[in-house]
Amino acid sequence: MVTLTLEQAQGVLESAGLACKFAGEEEGMVVEQSIAAGTKVDRGSTVTVKLEILPTGSAEGQAA
């Protein structure tokens, strides 16, 4: 979920039956997550995502 916004990350997690908690900035992009992508977890588990405001053009997949 790295480089997603909080809203995007919440949508992905909720559609997978997981809860989302956030740390760091109140807005920005996901730079870290508490459970690695692909890890099998129980439905209802909570994933904590850390948000940071990234400099323009630094997020993967974005045009500079």
N, C-alpha and C. Protein backbone atom coordinates (compact mmCIF):
# COMPACT_ATOMS: atom_id res chain seq x y z
N MET A 1 0.80 -1.19 0.00
CA MET A 1 0.00 0.00 0.00
C MET A 1 0.86 1.26 0.00
N VAL A 2 2.16 1.08 0.00
CA VAL A 2 3.04 2.24 0.00
C VAL A 2 2.75 3.07 -1.24
N THR A 3 2.67 4.36 -1.05
CA THR A 3 2.35 5.43 -2.02
C THR A 3 0.86 5.62 -2.23
N LEU A 4 0.00 4.89 -1.52
CA LEU A 4 -1.43 5.16 -1.58
C LEU A 4 -1.76 6.27 -0.60
N THR A 5 -2.88 6.95 -0.82
CA THR A 5 -3.38 7.90 0.17
C THR A 5 -4.06 7.11 1.28
N LEU A 6 -4.36 7.76 2.39
CA LEU A 6 -5.05 7.10 3.49
C LEU A 6 -6.39 6.55 3.01
N GLU A 7 -7.13 7.34 2.24
CA GLU A 7 -8.44 6.90 1.76
C GLU A 7 -8.32 5.66 0.87
N GLN A 8 -7.32 5.64 0.00
CA GLN A 8 -7.11 4.48 -0.87
C GLN A 8 -6.75 3.25 -0.04
N ALA A 9 -5.84 3.43 0.92
CA ALA A 9 -5.42 2.32 1.77
C ALA A 9 -6.59 1.78 2.57
N GLN A 10 -7.43 2.67 3.12
CA GLN A 10 -8.60 2.24 3.87
C GLN A 10 -9.52 1.41 2.99
N GLY A 11 -9.73 1.84 1.76
CA GLY A 11 -10.59 1.11 0.83
C GLY A 11 -10.06 -0.28 0.55
N VAL A 12 -8.76 -0.39 0.29
CA VAL A 12 -8.14 -1.69 0.02
C VAL A 12 -8.29 -2.61 1.23
N LEU A 13 -7.98 -2.08 2.41
CA LEU A 13 -8.04 -2.89 3.62
C LEU A 13 -9.46 -3.31 3.96
N GLU A 14 -10.40 -2.38 3.86
CA GLU A 14 -11.79 -2.70 4.19
C GLU A 14 -12.35 -3.74 3.22
N SER A 15 -11.99 -3.64 1.94
CA SER A 15 -12.49 -4.63 0.97
C SER A 15 -11.90 -6.02 1.25
N ALA A 16 -10.77 -6.07 1.95
CA ALA A 16 -10.15 -7.35 2.32
C ALA A 16 -10.61 -7.81 3.70
N GLY A 17 -11.52 -7.04 4.33
CA GLY A 17 -12.02 -7.43 5.65
C GLY A 17 -11.09 -7.07 6.78
N LEU A 18 -10.22 -6.08 6.56
CA LEU A 18 -9.25 -5.67 7.57
C LEU A 18 -9.55 -4.26 8.07
N ALA A 19 -9.10 -3.96 9.27
CA ALA A 19 -9.26 -2.63 9.84
C ALA A 19 -8.00 -1.82 9.57
N CYS A 20 -8.14 -0.50 9.54
CA CYS A 20 -7.01 0.39 9.25
C CYS A 20 -6.84 1.40 10.37
N LYS A 21 -5.61 1.52 10.86
CA LYS A 21 -5.22 2.54 11.82
C LYS A 21 -4.13 3.34 11.15
N PHE A 22 -4.01 4.62 11.48
CA PHE A 22 -2.93 5.37 10.87
C PHE A 22 -2.08 6.08 11.90
N ALA A 23 -0.83 6.32 11.51
CA ALA A 23 0.14 7.01 12.36
C ALA A 23 0.87 8.02 11.49
N GLY A 24 1.53 8.95 12.12
CA GLY A 24 2.30 9.95 11.39
C GLY A 24 1.46 11.16 11.06
N GLU A 25 1.66 11.70 9.87
CA GLU A 25 0.94 12.89 9.43
C GLU A 25 -0.56 12.59 9.28
N GLU A 26 -1.38 13.63 9.29
CA GLU A 26 -2.82 13.45 9.13
C GLU A 26 -3.22 13.31 7.67
N GLU A 27 -2.30 13.60 6.77
CA GLU A 27 -2.54 13.42 5.34
C GLU A 27 -1.23 13.05 4.69
N GLY A 28 -1.27 12.75 3.42
CA GLY A 28 -0.05 12.38 2.72
C GLY A 28 -0.18 11.00 2.11
N MET A 29 0.95 10.35 1.93
CA MET A 29 1.00 9.04 1.30
C MET A 29 1.48 8.01 2.32
N VAL A 30 1.04 6.77 2.11
CA VAL A 30 1.50 5.67 2.96
C VAL A 30 2.97 5.42 2.66
N VAL A 31 3.81 5.43 3.68
CA VAL A 31 5.23 5.16 3.52
C VAL A 31 5.66 3.88 4.22
N GLU A 32 4.77 3.34 5.06
CA GLU A 32 5.08 2.15 5.83
C GLU A 32 3.78 1.48 6.23
N GLN A 33 3.81 0.15 6.38
CA GLN A 33 2.64 -0.57 6.88
C GLN A 33 3.11 -1.62 7.87
N SER A 34 2.25 -1.92 8.86
CA SER A 34 2.65 -2.81 9.95
C SER A 34 2.70 -4.28 9.55
N ILE A 35 1.97 -4.65 8.52
CA ILE A 35 1.96 -6.04 8.05
C ILE A 35 2.38 -6.02 6.59
N ALA A 36 3.39 -6.80 6.25
CA ALA A 36 3.91 -6.81 4.89
C ALA A 36 2.86 -7.31 3.89
N ALA A 37 2.89 -6.74 2.69
CA ALA A 37 1.99 -7.16 1.63
C ALA A 37 2.14 -8.66 1.40
N GLY A 38 1.01 -9.34 1.21
CA GLY A 38 1.04 -10.77 0.95
C GLY A 38 1.01 -11.65 2.19
N THR A 39 1.15 -11.04 3.37
CA THR A 39 1.10 -11.80 4.62
C THR A 39 -0.33 -12.24 4.90
N LYS A 40 -0.53 -13.49 5.24
CA LYS A 40 -1.87 -13.99 5.56
C LYS A 40 -2.20 -13.61 7.00
N VAL A 41 -3.37 -12.98 7.17
CA VAL A 41 -3.84 -12.56 8.49
C VAL A 41 -5.32 -12.92 8.62
N ASP A 42 -5.80 -12.96 9.85
CA ASP A 42 -7.21 -13.23 10.09
C ASP A 42 -8.07 -12.04 9.70
N ARG A 43 -9.25 -12.34 9.18
CA ARG A 43 -10.22 -11.29 8.86
C ARG A 43 -10.46 -10.47 10.12
N GLY A 44 -10.53 -9.16 9.99
CA GLY A 44 -10.74 -8.29 11.14
C GLY A 44 -9.45 -7.79 11.77
N SER A 45 -8.30 -8.30 11.30
CA SER A 45 -7.00 -7.82 11.81
C SER A 45 -6.84 -6.35 11.48
N THR A 46 -6.03 -5.67 12.27
CA THR A 46 -5.77 -4.26 12.05
C THR A 46 -4.39 -4.06 11.46
N VAL A 47 -4.34 -3.27 10.41
CA VAL A 47 -3.08 -2.89 9.78
C VAL A 47 -2.86 -1.41 10.07
N THR A 48 -1.69 -1.08 10.60
CA THR A 48 -1.35 0.32 10.85
C THR A 48 -0.52 0.82 9.68
N VAL A 49 -0.92 1.95 9.12
CA VAL A 49 -0.17 2.56 8.03
C VAL A 49 0.40 3.89 8.52
N LYS A 50 1.63 4.19 8.12
CA LYS A 50 2.27 5.44 8.49
C LYS A 50 2.22 6.37 7.29
N LEU A 51 1.74 7.59 7.52
CA LEU A 51 1.62 8.58 6.46
C LEU A 51 2.68 9.65 6.59
N GLU A 52 3.17 10.10 5.45
CA GLU A 52 4.07 11.25 5.40
C GLU A 52 3.71 12.08 4.18
N ILE A 53 3.95 13.35 4.29
CA ILE A 53 3.76 14.23 3.13
C ILE A 53 5.05 14.17 2.34
N LEU A 54 4.96 13.63 1.12
CA LEU A 54 6.14 13.44 0.29
C LEU A 54 6.35 14.65 -0.62
N PRO A 55 7.60 14.96 -0.95
CA PRO A 55 7.86 16.04 -1.89
C PRO A 55 7.22 15.73 -3.24
N THR A 56 6.80 16.74 -3.96
CA THR A 56 6.17 16.56 -5.27
C THR A 56 7.05 15.73 -6.17
N GLY A 57 6.46 14.74 -6.84
CA GLY A 57 7.17 13.91 -7.80
C GLY A 57 7.97 12.78 -7.19
N SER A 58 7.92 12.60 -5.86
CA SER A 58 8.75 11.56 -5.25
C SER A 58 8.04 10.22 -5.11
N ALA A 59 6.71 10.21 -5.24
CA ALA A 59 5.97 8.96 -5.10
C ALA A 59 6.16 8.09 -6.33
N GLU A 60 6.30 6.78 -6.09
CA GLU A 60 6.46 5.86 -7.20
C GLU A 60 5.25 5.93 -8.12
N GLY A 61 5.50 5.85 -9.41
CA GLY A 61 4.42 5.82 -10.37
C GLY A 61 3.85 7.17 -10.73
N GLN A 62 4.33 8.23 -10.11
CA GLN A 62 3.84 9.56 -10.45
C GLN A 62 4.81 10.22 -11.40
N ALA A 63 4.25 10.99 -12.30
CA ALA A 63 5.10 11.76 -13.23
C ALA A 63 5.75 12.90 -12.46
N ALA A 64 7.00 13.16 -12.76
CA ALA A 64 7.71 14.24 -12.06
C ALA A 64 7.36 15.58 -12.65
